[in-house]
């Protein structure tokens, strides 16, 4: 007797759809890898990205060491230049002092004029030694932003409105915690902020300080920067806790030239009159961002300047991947073998997108360390970025390659002409990026180009951060994008999604 086997279970619609898409995907991958020009184009895109990144760091060897730039507690490049009148504080203690006046001078070429730079700072500070880049916490009167408490270069807290214009300042150190207070009359005190400085030594330096960054004057294509100096008069300091006896000691911390080239007339110093102090200082205590500070340095994204050329090449390949079958009349065979046209478009997008993604990933991962080595070898510094930020830049560059190539594929599918599709990609992606970042347009139009065109996607590469307490040129030509990294990339993705949807719609409605 012959046993009768049960019939195999029927495949579900979802399983059949997956099997069908896998066959289409395999067919499109075979087409892509068997066309030598497309494979070579992808490889050249990676090579061009790396080579331009390396060559862009070429230039005359500078006479300073790139590692001379101070690093803050988190490894960030910082300005740490100010005039410091200090004593040693062992253990806990406090310092209270009134700031009775703050004046300044600004050097505009050979001329000097009176004026206080808005972020000139005069106040009291607790600092973990005199080494530039060490932990600190300070409360201060500023030239135009009221009373602030700042610590470790990137952190800034505005005083409550009640003491925003106060002139009495107090710092209290308790272990690793430093608390700042402000008062309008020296009797009633308001807490401005309390911060923890991890690893703060038992013995620290504390006292009065004055700093003044360069004065910025905005222009239509950026800004000019003039050296500035500030002078503050402090009343009698009241000290409690473990202060060493003796006279105040004064000296410059760091180099005032970190924030610009200061003339001989803009130098620091202090005098004692009665029980008060008059202190003059220049420089700044802040993170290094864009503007003149990058005159001898690079941000990480500057090392990937070749990415726009690599992206253009992968976009060309993406456009040809879609248009070649129309030009040769092979698209009818493709649709005969796979009648579901949307599935064919999805497979093509996945093949070119993954290929471009891997190309961008390899190119960025290779370009950054090689260009960094070359820059440092010529005496330039590269602004450090956290491991997470660098990973975002590398992965973001790869995503730029992928999405731009898919956008080109979708446009070529819409118009069925590879050359025309590439022209459109240049017009909407590459040209706005070059015009905006190359300083060819005023700042306003440049910023709008990087908000509303697909070129906004390049924001994914940005590592420079805008700090409210640092005045500099926050414009596309200096490396700043008007949208945050992922928001800018979302604009590019939105354009690509619309183009893909339109391409899929037309594929279903018109003849092959």
Protein backbone atom coordinates (compact mmCIF):
# COMPACT_ATOMS: atom_id res chain seq x y z
CA UNK A 1 0.00 0.00 0.00
CA UNK A 2 1.43 3.33 -1.04
CA UNK A 3 1.39 6.11 1.53
CA UNK A 4 -0.11 9.39 0.41
CA UNK A 5 1.93 12.38 1.48
CA UNK A 6 0.05 15.52 2.48
CA UNK A 7 0.37 18.45 0.07
CA UNK A 8 2.91 21.13 1.00
CA UNK A 9 1.48 24.06 2.92
CA UNK A 10 0.49 26.91 0.65
CA UNK A 11 2.84 29.88 0.59
CA UNK A 12 1.37 33.04 1.97
CA UNK A 13 1.06 36.16 -0.15
CA UNK A 14 3.74 37.84 1.94
CA UNK A 15 6.14 34.95 1.39
CA UNK A 16 5.52 34.98 -2.34
CA UNK A 17 6.09 38.74 -2.42
CA UNK A 18 9.40 38.39 -0.58
CA UNK A 19 10.57 35.62 -2.89
CA UNK A 20 9.57 37.69 -5.90
CA UNK A 21 11.39 40.79 -4.66
CA UNK A 22 14.50 38.73 -3.89
CA UNK A 23 14.60 37.51 -7.49
CA UNK A 24 14.21 41.06 -8.82
CA UNK A 25 16.88 42.33 -6.42
CA UNK A 26 19.28 39.61 -7.52
CA UNK A 27 18.66 40.46 -11.17
CA UNK A 28 19.30 44.17 -10.62
CA UNK A 29 22.47 43.46 -8.66
CA UNK A 30 23.69 41.26 -11.51
CA UNK A 31 23.04 44.06 -14.00
CA UNK A 32 24.91 46.55 -11.85
CA UNK A 33 28.04 44.52 -11.17
CA UNK A 34 28.41 43.28 -14.76
CA UNK A 35 28.63 46.82 -16.20
CA UNK A 36 32.29 47.65 -15.71
CA UNK A 37 31.83 51.41 -16.08
CA UNK A 38 29.41 51.59 -13.18
CA UNK A 39 31.70 49.62 -10.87
CA UNK A 40 34.68 51.75 -11.88
CA UNK A 41 32.64 54.90 -11.31
CA UNK A 42 31.83 53.81 -7.77
CA UNK A 43 35.48 53.02 -7.05
CA UNK A 44 36.64 56.35 -8.50
CA UNK A 45 34.11 58.16 -6.31
CA UNK A 46 35.78 56.76 -3.20
CA UNK A 47 39.27 57.53 -4.52
CA UNK A 48 38.40 61.12 -5.43
CA UNK A 49 36.88 61.73 -2.01
CA UNK A 50 40.07 60.60 -0.29
CA UNK A 51 42.50 62.38 -2.63
CA UNK A 52 40.73 65.74 -2.54
CA UNK A 53 40.52 65.52 1.24
CA UNK A 54 44.27 64.94 1.48
CA UNK A 55 45.20 67.56 -1.11
CA UNK A 56 42.96 70.15 0.54
CA UNK A 57 45.18 70.03 3.62
CA UNK A 58 48.26 70.86 1.55
CA UNK A 59 49.98 74.18 2.09
CA UNK A 60 53.10 75.76 3.54
CA UNK A 61 54.39 74.19 6.73
CA UNK A 62 53.63 76.45 9.68
CA UNK A 63 56.08 77.35 12.39
CA UNK A 64 53.97 76.20 15.32
CA UNK A 65 52.98 72.87 16.74
CA UNK A 66 49.33 71.86 16.27
CA UNK A 67 49.37 70.26 19.72
CA UNK A 68 50.06 73.70 21.27
CA UNK A 69 46.34 74.50 21.16
CA UNK A 70 44.95 74.01 24.70
CA UNK A 71 42.51 71.15 25.26
CA UNK A 72 39.69 71.40 27.75
CA UNK A 73 38.72 68.69 30.24
CA UNK A 74 36.64 66.90 27.58
CA UNK A 75 39.42 67.06 24.96
CA UNK A 76 37.85 69.99 23.09
CA UNK A 77 40.13 72.69 21.63
CA UNK A 78 39.73 75.83 23.72
CA UNK A 79 40.87 79.39 24.18
CA UNK A 80 42.20 79.81 27.71
CA UNK A 81 43.83 83.24 27.75
CA UNK A 82 43.24 85.89 30.41
CA UNK A 83 45.02 87.98 33.02
CA UNK A 84 44.79 86.34 36.43
CA UNK A 85 45.42 87.88 39.86
CA UNK A 86 45.42 84.96 42.24
CA UNK A 87 46.31 83.24 45.47
CA UNK A 88 46.34 79.59 46.48
CA UNK A 89 43.20 78.11 48.06
CA UNK A 90 43.62 74.81 49.92
CA UNK A 91 40.40 72.97 50.53
CA UNK A 92 37.11 74.79 50.91
CA UNK A 93 36.69 78.53 50.95
CA UNK A 94 35.04 81.54 49.36
CA UNK A 95 35.88 84.85 47.74
CA UNK A 96 33.58 87.89 47.61
CA UNK A 97 34.43 91.03 45.66
CA UNK A 98 32.66 94.00 44.02
CA UNK A 99 33.42 94.93 40.38
CA UNK A 100 33.19 98.72 40.50
CA UNK A 101 33.93 99.48 36.82
CA UNK A 102 34.56 97.82 33.45
CA UNK A 103 36.03 99.77 30.53
CA UNK A 104 37.80 98.82 27.35
CA UNK A 105 39.75 99.78 24.24
CA UNK A 106 39.39 98.38 20.73
CA UNK A 107 42.15 98.55 18.13
CA UNK A 108 40.88 99.13 14.57
CA UNK A 109 44.04 99.05 12.50
CA UNK A 110 46.37 101.82 13.66
CA UNK A 111 43.59 103.57 15.59
CA UNK A 112 42.35 102.95 19.11
CA UNK A 113 38.82 103.68 20.26
CA UNK A 114 37.06 103.35 23.58
CA UNK A 115 34.58 100.52 23.89
CA UNK A 116 33.94 97.29 25.73
CA UNK A 117 33.57 94.12 23.71
CA UNK A 118 30.15 92.58 24.61
CA UNK A 119 31.76 89.35 25.82
CA UNK A 120 34.59 91.03 27.75
CA UNK A 121 34.71 89.36 31.16
CA UNK A 122 35.70 90.63 34.59
CA UNK A 123 35.07 88.57 37.70
CA UNK A 124 36.37 85.88 40.01
CA UNK A 125 37.47 82.38 39.14
CA UNK A 126 38.48 79.11 40.79
CA UNK A 127 40.92 77.28 38.53
CA UNK A 128 42.62 73.90 38.83
CA UNK A 129 46.14 75.29 38.41
CA UNK A 130 47.56 77.68 35.83
CA UNK A 131 47.75 75.21 32.96
CA UNK A 132 45.64 76.34 29.99
CA UNK A 133 42.75 73.96 29.52
CA UNK A 134 42.35 72.97 33.17
CA UNK A 135 39.04 72.85 35.05
CA UNK A 136 37.59 76.16 36.17
CA UNK A 137 34.42 77.83 37.38
CA UNK A 138 33.89 81.59 37.25
CA UNK A 139 31.28 84.23 37.86
CA UNK A 140 31.68 87.48 35.98
CA UNK A 141 30.37 90.80 34.79
CA UNK A 142 30.36 91.02 30.99
CA UNK A 143 30.52 93.95 28.61
CA UNK A 144 27.03 93.46 27.20
CA UNK A 145 25.46 90.25 28.49
CA UNK A 146 25.03 90.88 32.19
CA UNK A 147 26.28 88.63 34.97
CA UNK A 148 27.15 85.08 33.89
CA UNK A 149 28.48 81.94 35.50
CA UNK A 150 30.65 79.80 33.24
CA UNK A 151 32.67 76.64 33.71
CA UNK A 152 34.85 74.28 31.70
CA UNK A 153 34.69 76.48 28.56
CA UNK A 154 31.40 75.32 27.02
CA UNK A 155 28.94 75.90 29.89
CA UNK A 156 27.29 79.28 30.35
CA UNK A 157 24.49 80.33 32.73
CA UNK A 158 22.86 83.75 32.76
CA UNK A 159 22.11 85.26 36.15
CA UNK A 160 18.46 85.66 37.21
CA UNK A 161 16.94 88.99 36.22
CA UNK A 162 17.14 90.28 39.78
CA UNK A 163 20.96 90.22 39.69
CA UNK A 164 21.60 90.40 35.92
CA UNK A 165 23.24 93.81 36.36
CA UNK A 166 24.75 93.12 39.80
CA UNK A 167 28.32 94.16 40.56
CA UNK A 168 28.90 92.12 43.72
CA UNK A 169 30.17 88.59 43.00
CA UNK A 170 30.87 85.58 45.20
CA UNK A 171 32.29 82.08 44.58
CA UNK A 172 32.09 79.31 47.19
CA UNK A 173 34.19 76.16 46.82
CA UNK A 174 33.07 73.02 48.67
CA UNK A 175 34.95 69.91 47.59
CA UNK A 176 34.42 69.49 43.84
CA UNK A 177 31.43 71.86 43.83
CA UNK A 178 31.69 75.58 43.11
CA UNK A 179 28.68 77.85 43.57
CA UNK A 180 28.35 81.39 42.25
CA UNK A 181 26.25 84.21 43.69
CA UNK A 182 25.39 87.75 42.63
CA UNK A 183 24.19 90.73 44.64
CA UNK A 184 23.13 94.28 43.86
CA UNK A 185 24.14 95.65 47.26
CA UNK A 186 26.54 93.15 48.84
CA UNK A 187 23.95 92.19 51.45
CA UNK A 188 21.22 90.15 49.73
CA UNK A 189 22.58 87.35 47.55
CA UNK A 190 21.03 85.31 44.74
CA UNK A 191 22.48 82.03 43.56
CA UNK A 192 23.43 82.12 39.86
CA UNK A 193 24.59 78.53 39.51
CA UNK A 194 26.32 75.56 41.11
CA UNK A 195 28.67 73.27 39.16
CA UNK A 196 30.74 70.19 39.84
CA UNK A 197 34.32 70.00 38.58
CA UNK A 198 35.29 66.29 38.64
CA UNK A 199 38.75 65.64 40.02
CA UNK A 200 39.27 69.22 41.24
CA UNK A 201 42.52 69.28 43.21
CA UNK A 202 42.61 70.13 46.88
CA UNK A 203 44.94 73.04 46.12
CA UNK A 204 43.62 75.45 43.46
CA UNK A 205 44.29 78.99 42.31
CA UNK A 206 41.54 81.55 42.76
CA UNK A 207 41.10 85.29 42.45
CA UNK A 208 40.18 88.07 40.03
CA UNK A 209 40.49 87.84 36.25
CA UNK A 210 39.86 89.93 33.13
CA UNK A 211 39.60 88.80 29.50
CA UNK A 212 38.41 90.40 26.27
CA UNK A 213 37.96 88.49 22.99
CA UNK A 214 38.33 90.20 19.64
CA UNK A 215 35.58 92.67 18.75
CA UNK A 216 33.44 91.40 15.88
CA UNK A 217 31.89 93.73 13.31
CA UNK A 218 29.47 91.87 10.97
CA UNK A 219 29.73 92.40 7.20
CA UNK A 220 27.64 91.13 4.29
CA UNK A 221 30.06 88.23 3.76
CA UNK A 222 31.11 87.49 7.34
CA UNK A 223 32.75 89.85 9.81
CA UNK A 224 35.89 91.72 10.70
CA UNK A 225 37.67 91.16 14.02
CA UNK A 226 39.59 93.83 15.90
CA UNK A 227 41.83 93.23 18.93
CA UNK A 228 40.32 94.44 22.19
CA UNK A 229 41.36 94.85 25.81
CA UNK A 230 39.33 95.35 28.99
CA UNK A 231 40.14 96.97 32.33
CA UNK A 232 38.21 96.28 35.52
CA UNK A 233 38.39 97.82 38.97
CA UNK A 234 37.72 95.47 41.88
CA UNK A 235 36.93 96.52 45.43
CA UNK A 236 38.21 94.85 48.56
CA UNK A 237 38.12 91.06 48.38
CA UNK A 238 36.70 89.18 51.36
CA UNK A 239 38.24 85.71 51.75
CA UNK A 240 37.15 82.79 53.92
CA UNK A 241 38.61 79.30 54.23
CA UNK A 242 42.06 77.92 53.46
CA UNK A 243 43.70 80.83 51.64
CA UNK A 244 47.48 81.17 51.81
CA UNK A 245 48.64 84.48 53.32
CA UNK A 246 50.64 87.00 51.35
CA UNK A 247 50.25 89.34 48.42
CA UNK A 248 48.28 88.78 45.24
CA UNK A 249 50.25 87.40 42.30
CA UNK A 250 49.45 88.41 38.73
CA UNK A 251 50.20 86.82 35.39
CA UNK A 252 48.92 85.94 31.96
CA UNK A 253 47.34 82.52 31.59
CA UNK A 254 47.77 81.21 28.08
CA UNK A 255 48.51 83.46 25.13
CA UNK A 256 46.27 86.42 24.37
CA UNK A 257 47.19 85.81 20.75
CA UNK A 258 45.05 82.68 20.76
CA UNK A 259 42.08 84.92 19.99
CA UNK A 260 43.94 87.13 17.54
CA UNK A 261 47.06 89.24 17.04
CA UNK A 262 47.13 91.77 19.84
CA UNK A 263 49.31 94.84 19.52
CA UNK A 264 51.79 95.92 22.15
CA UNK A 265 49.24 98.39 23.50
CA UNK A 266 46.83 95.58 24.32
CA UNK A 267 48.54 93.75 27.15
CA UNK A 268 47.59 92.60 30.60
CA UNK A 269 48.65 93.73 34.05
CA UNK A 270 47.39 94.76 37.47
CA UNK A 271 47.94 97.35 40.18
CA UNK A 272 46.85 97.53 43.80
CA UNK A 273 45.38 100.74 45.16
CA UNK A 274 44.39 100.71 48.80
CA UNK A 275 42.76 97.32 49.26
CA UNK A 276 41.38 97.08 45.71
CA UNK A 277 42.74 95.92 42.34
CA UNK A 278 42.78 97.31 38.82
CA UNK A 279 43.25 94.53 36.28
CA UNK A 280 43.71 94.75 32.50
CA UNK A 281 43.42 91.70 30.28
CA UNK A 282 42.87 90.38 26.78
CA UNK A 283 42.05 86.95 25.37
CA UNK A 284 39.11 84.68 26.05
CA UNK A 285 38.01 81.63 28.03
CA UNK A 286 35.80 79.70 25.63
CA UNK A 287 35.72 76.81 23.17
CA UNK A 288 37.41 77.33 19.80
CA UNK A 289 34.79 77.41 17.08
CA UNK A 290 34.76 78.86 13.56
CA UNK A 291 35.84 82.25 12.33
CA UNK A 292 39.42 83.48 12.68
CA UNK A 293 40.37 80.69 15.10
CA UNK A 294 40.26 78.25 12.19
CA UNK A 295 42.73 80.26 10.13
CA UNK A 296 45.40 77.65 10.89
CA UNK A 297 43.18 74.67 11.48
CA UNK A 298 40.48 72.38 10.18
CA UNK A 299 37.25 70.95 11.46
CA UNK A 300 36.65 67.27 10.74
CA UNK A 301 34.18 68.06 7.97
CA UNK A 302 36.84 70.15 6.19
CA UNK A 303 38.78 66.92 5.68
CA UNK A 304 35.80 65.57 3.71
CA UNK A 305 35.61 68.44 1.24
CA UNK A 306 36.09 65.86 -1.54
CA UNK A 307 32.79 64.22 -0.63
CA UNK A 308 30.81 66.54 -2.89
CA UNK A 309 32.82 65.26 -5.89
CA UNK A 310 32.39 61.65 -4.81
CA UNK A 311 28.67 62.18 -4.31
CA UNK A 312 28.39 63.66 -7.80
CA UNK A 313 30.09 60.60 -9.30
CA UNK A 314 27.81 58.16 -7.49
CA UNK A 315 24.83 60.25 -8.58
CA UNK A 316 26.01 59.89 -12.19
CA UNK A 317 26.14 56.12 -11.74
CA UNK A 318 22.67 56.17 -10.17
CA UNK A 319 21.24 58.14 -13.09
CA UNK A 320 22.82 55.80 -15.63
CA UNK A 321 21.60 52.76 -13.75
CA UNK A 322 18.05 53.93 -14.42
CA UNK A 323 18.39 55.53 -17.85
CA UNK A 324 20.62 53.00 -19.63
CA UNK A 325 17.81 50.48 -20.06
CA UNK A 326 15.56 53.12 -21.63
CA UNK A 327 18.30 54.19 -24.04
CA UNK A 328 18.96 50.63 -25.16
CA UNK A 329 15.34 49.53 -25.15
CA UNK A 330 15.97 46.82 -22.57
CA UNK A 331 13.45 48.18 -20.10
CA UNK A 332 10.66 46.27 -21.87
CA UNK A 333 12.45 42.98 -21.17
CA UNK A 334 12.87 43.97 -17.54
CA UNK A 335 9.17 44.74 -17.12
CA UNK A 336 8.21 41.59 -19.03
CA UNK A 337 10.21 39.51 -16.55
CA UNK A 338 8.99 41.56 -13.58
CA UNK A 339 5.58 43.10 -14.33
CA UNK A 340 5.36 44.81 -10.92
CA UNK A 341 7.25 47.97 -11.87
CA UNK A 342 7.33 49.45 -8.41
CA UNK A 343 9.22 46.38 -7.25
CA UNK A 344 11.81 46.92 -10.00
CA UNK A 345 12.31 50.55 -8.96
CA UNK A 346 12.68 49.53 -5.29
CA UNK A 347 15.27 46.91 -6.21
CA UNK A 348 17.26 49.41 -8.27
CA UNK A 349 17.14 51.95 -5.44
CA UNK A 350 18.34 49.36 -2.93
CA UNK A 351 21.22 48.21 -5.14
CA UNK A 352 22.54 51.68 -5.95
CA UNK A 353 21.85 52.98 -2.44
CA UNK A 354 23.76 50.19 -0.70
CA UNK A 355 26.63 50.41 -3.18
CA UNK A 356 26.92 54.16 -2.71
CA UNK A 357 26.61 53.82 1.08
CA UNK A 358 29.54 51.40 1.27
CA UNK A 359 31.54 53.66 -1.04
CA UNK A 360 30.96 56.69 1.15
CA UNK A 361 31.63 54.73 4.33
CA UNK A 362 35.02 53.51 3.13
CA UNK A 363 35.97 56.88 1.65
CA UNK A 364 35.16 58.84 4.81
CA UNK A 365 36.80 56.30 7.12
CA UNK A 366 40.01 56.50 5.09
CA UNK A 367 40.02 60.23 4.29
CA UNK A 368 39.68 61.53 7.85
CA UNK A 369 42.78 59.87 9.41
CA UNK A 370 44.97 60.41 6.32
CA UNK A 371 44.02 64.07 5.95
CA UNK A 372 44.44 64.58 9.71
CA UNK A 373 47.99 63.21 9.57
CA UNK A 374 48.86 65.45 6.62
CA UNK A 375 47.38 68.56 8.26
CA UNK A 376 49.23 68.00 11.51
CA UNK A 377 52.43 67.27 9.61
CA UNK A 378 52.22 70.77 8.12
CA UNK A 379 51.65 72.42 11.49
CA UNK A 380 47.87 72.78 11.25
CA UNK A 381 45.57 71.62 14.00
CA UNK A 382 42.38 69.62 13.57
CA UNK A 383 39.59 70.46 15.97
CA UNK A 384 39.00 67.34 18.04
CA UNK A 385 35.58 65.72 18.01
CA UNK A 386 34.14 63.00 20.22
CA UNK A 387 34.09 59.41 18.99
CA UNK A 388 30.31 59.62 18.64
CA UNK A 389 30.54 62.80 16.55
CA UNK A 390 33.17 61.32 14.25
CA UNK A 391 31.07 58.17 13.85
CA UNK A 392 28.08 60.34 12.93
CA UNK A 393 30.15 62.21 10.36
CA UNK A 394 31.46 59.01 8.75
CA UNK A 395 28.05 57.31 8.72
CA UNK A 396 26.39 60.57 7.64
CA UNK A 397 28.75 60.91 4.70
CA UNK A 398 27.90 57.36 3.65
CA UNK A 399 24.19 58.18 3.91
CA UNK A 400 24.75 61.28 1.78
CA UNK A 401 26.30 59.13 -0.94
CA UNK A 402 23.40 56.67 -0.73
CA UNK A 403 20.49 59.11 -0.72
CA UNK A 404 21.99 61.35 -3.44
CA UNK A 405 22.45 58.34 -5.73
CA UNK A 406 18.86 57.22 -5.11
CA UNK A 407 17.66 60.77 -5.83
CA UNK A 408 19.53 60.68 -9.16
CA UNK A 409 18.01 57.27 -9.91
CA UNK A 410 14.50 58.60 -9.25
CA UNK A 411 15.01 61.72 -11.38
CA UNK A 412 16.44 59.64 -14.25
CA UNK A 413 13.42 57.34 -14.02
CA UNK A 414 11.11 60.35 -14.25
CA UNK A 415 12.72 61.93 -17.32
CA UNK A 416 14.41 58.84 -18.86
CA UNK A 417 17.55 60.81 -19.71
CA UNK A 418 20.77 60.25 -17.78
CA UNK A 419 22.53 63.48 -18.81
CA UNK A 420 19.49 65.60 -17.99
CA UNK A 421 19.10 63.85 -14.63
CA UNK A 422 22.74 64.56 -13.75
CA UNK A 423 22.26 68.20 -14.72
CA UNK A 424 19.29 68.45 -12.37
CA UNK A 425 21.24 66.86 -9.52
CA UNK A 426 24.07 69.35 -10.05
CA UNK A 427 21.57 72.21 -10.05
CA UNK A 428 19.72 71.23 -6.88
CA UNK A 429 22.43 69.51 -4.81
CA UNK A 430 25.99 70.40 -5.83
CA UNK A 431 25.58 73.98 -7.06
CA UNK A 432 23.73 75.27 -3.94
CA UNK A 433 26.38 73.67 -1.73
CA UNK A 434 29.25 75.28 -3.66
CA UNK A 435 27.57 78.71 -3.83
CA UNK A 436 26.69 78.73 -0.13
CA UNK A 437 29.90 77.37 1.36
CA UNK A 438 32.21 79.08 -1.12
CA UNK A 439 31.17 82.57 -0.03
CA UNK A 440 29.85 83.45 -3.50
CA UNK A 441 26.55 84.73 -2.11
CA UNK A 442 25.67 86.95 0.87
CA UNK A 443 25.06 85.14 4.14
CA UNK A 444 21.24 85.40 4.02
CA UNK A 445 20.72 83.74 0.62
CA UNK A 446 23.42 81.18 1.42
CA UNK A 447 21.62 80.14 4.59
CA UNK A 448 18.30 79.80 2.75
CA UNK A 449 19.88 77.65 0.05
CA UNK A 450 21.00 75.26 2.78
CA UNK A 451 17.52 75.20 4.30
CA UNK A 452 15.28 74.60 1.30
CA UNK A 453 17.38 72.71 -1.28
CA UNK A 454 18.67 69.13 -1.16
CA UNK A 455 22.09 70.60 -0.34
CA UNK A 456 20.80 70.92 3.24
CA UNK A 457 21.78 67.26 3.55
CA UNK A 458 25.45 68.22 3.85
CA UNK A 459 24.66 69.44 7.38
CA UNK A 460 25.01 65.81 8.46
CA UNK A 461 28.80 66.29 8.22
CA UNK A 462 28.93 69.32 10.52
CA UNK A 463 30.88 69.07 13.77
CA UNK A 464 31.17 72.75 14.67
CA UNK A 465 28.81 73.85 17.44
CA UNK A 466 27.26 77.27 17.84
CA UNK A 467 27.79 78.64 21.36
CA UNK A 468 25.72 81.68 22.42
CA UNK A 469 28.62 82.92 24.55
CA UNK A 470 31.07 82.98 21.61
CA UNK A 471 30.78 85.68 18.96
CA UNK A 472 32.12 84.55 15.62
CA UNK A 473 31.00 84.05 12.02
CA UNK A 474 28.20 81.49 12.16
CA UNK A 475 27.64 81.30 8.40
CA UNK A 476 27.83 78.59 5.70
CA UNK A 477 31.08 80.04 4.35
CA UNK A 478 32.71 79.47 7.75
CA UNK A 479 31.37 75.93 8.12
CA UNK A 480 28.04 76.44 9.91
CA UNK A 481 24.79 75.13 8.50
CA UNK A 482 21.50 76.80 9.44
CA UNK A 483 19.87 73.43 10.25
CA UNK A 484 21.05 70.80 12.76
CA UNK A 485 22.80 67.76 11.21
CA UNK A 486 19.87 65.34 11.13
CA UNK A 487 17.33 68.04 10.26
CA UNK A 488 19.36 69.05 7.23
CA UNK A 489 19.70 65.43 6.16
CA UNK A 490 15.94 65.02 6.55
CA UNK A 491 15.42 67.74 3.91
CA UNK A 492 17.45 65.71 1.39
CA UNK A 493 15.54 62.56 2.33
CA UNK A 494 12.23 64.36 1.81
CA UNK A 495 13.19 65.41 -1.71
CA UNK A 496 14.31 61.85 -2.46
CA UNK A 497 11.12 60.30 -1.10
CA UNK A 498 8.97 62.65 -3.23
CA UNK A 499 11.03 61.90 -6.33
CA UNK A 500 10.81 58.13 -5.73
CA UNK A 501 7.05 58.30 -5.19
CA UNK A 502 6.60 60.30 -8.38
CA UNK A 503 8.80 57.88 -10.31
CA UNK A 504 6.86 54.86 -9.05
CA UNK A 505 3.56 56.54 -9.99
CA UNK A 506 4.68 57.34 -13.54
CA UNK A 507 6.16 53.87 -14.04
CA UNK A 508 2.75 52.35 -13.47
CA UNK A 509 0.89 54.80 -15.70
CA UNK A 510 3.02 55.18 -18.81
CA UNK A 511 4.39 52.77 -21.40
CA UNK A 512 7.89 51.38 -21.09
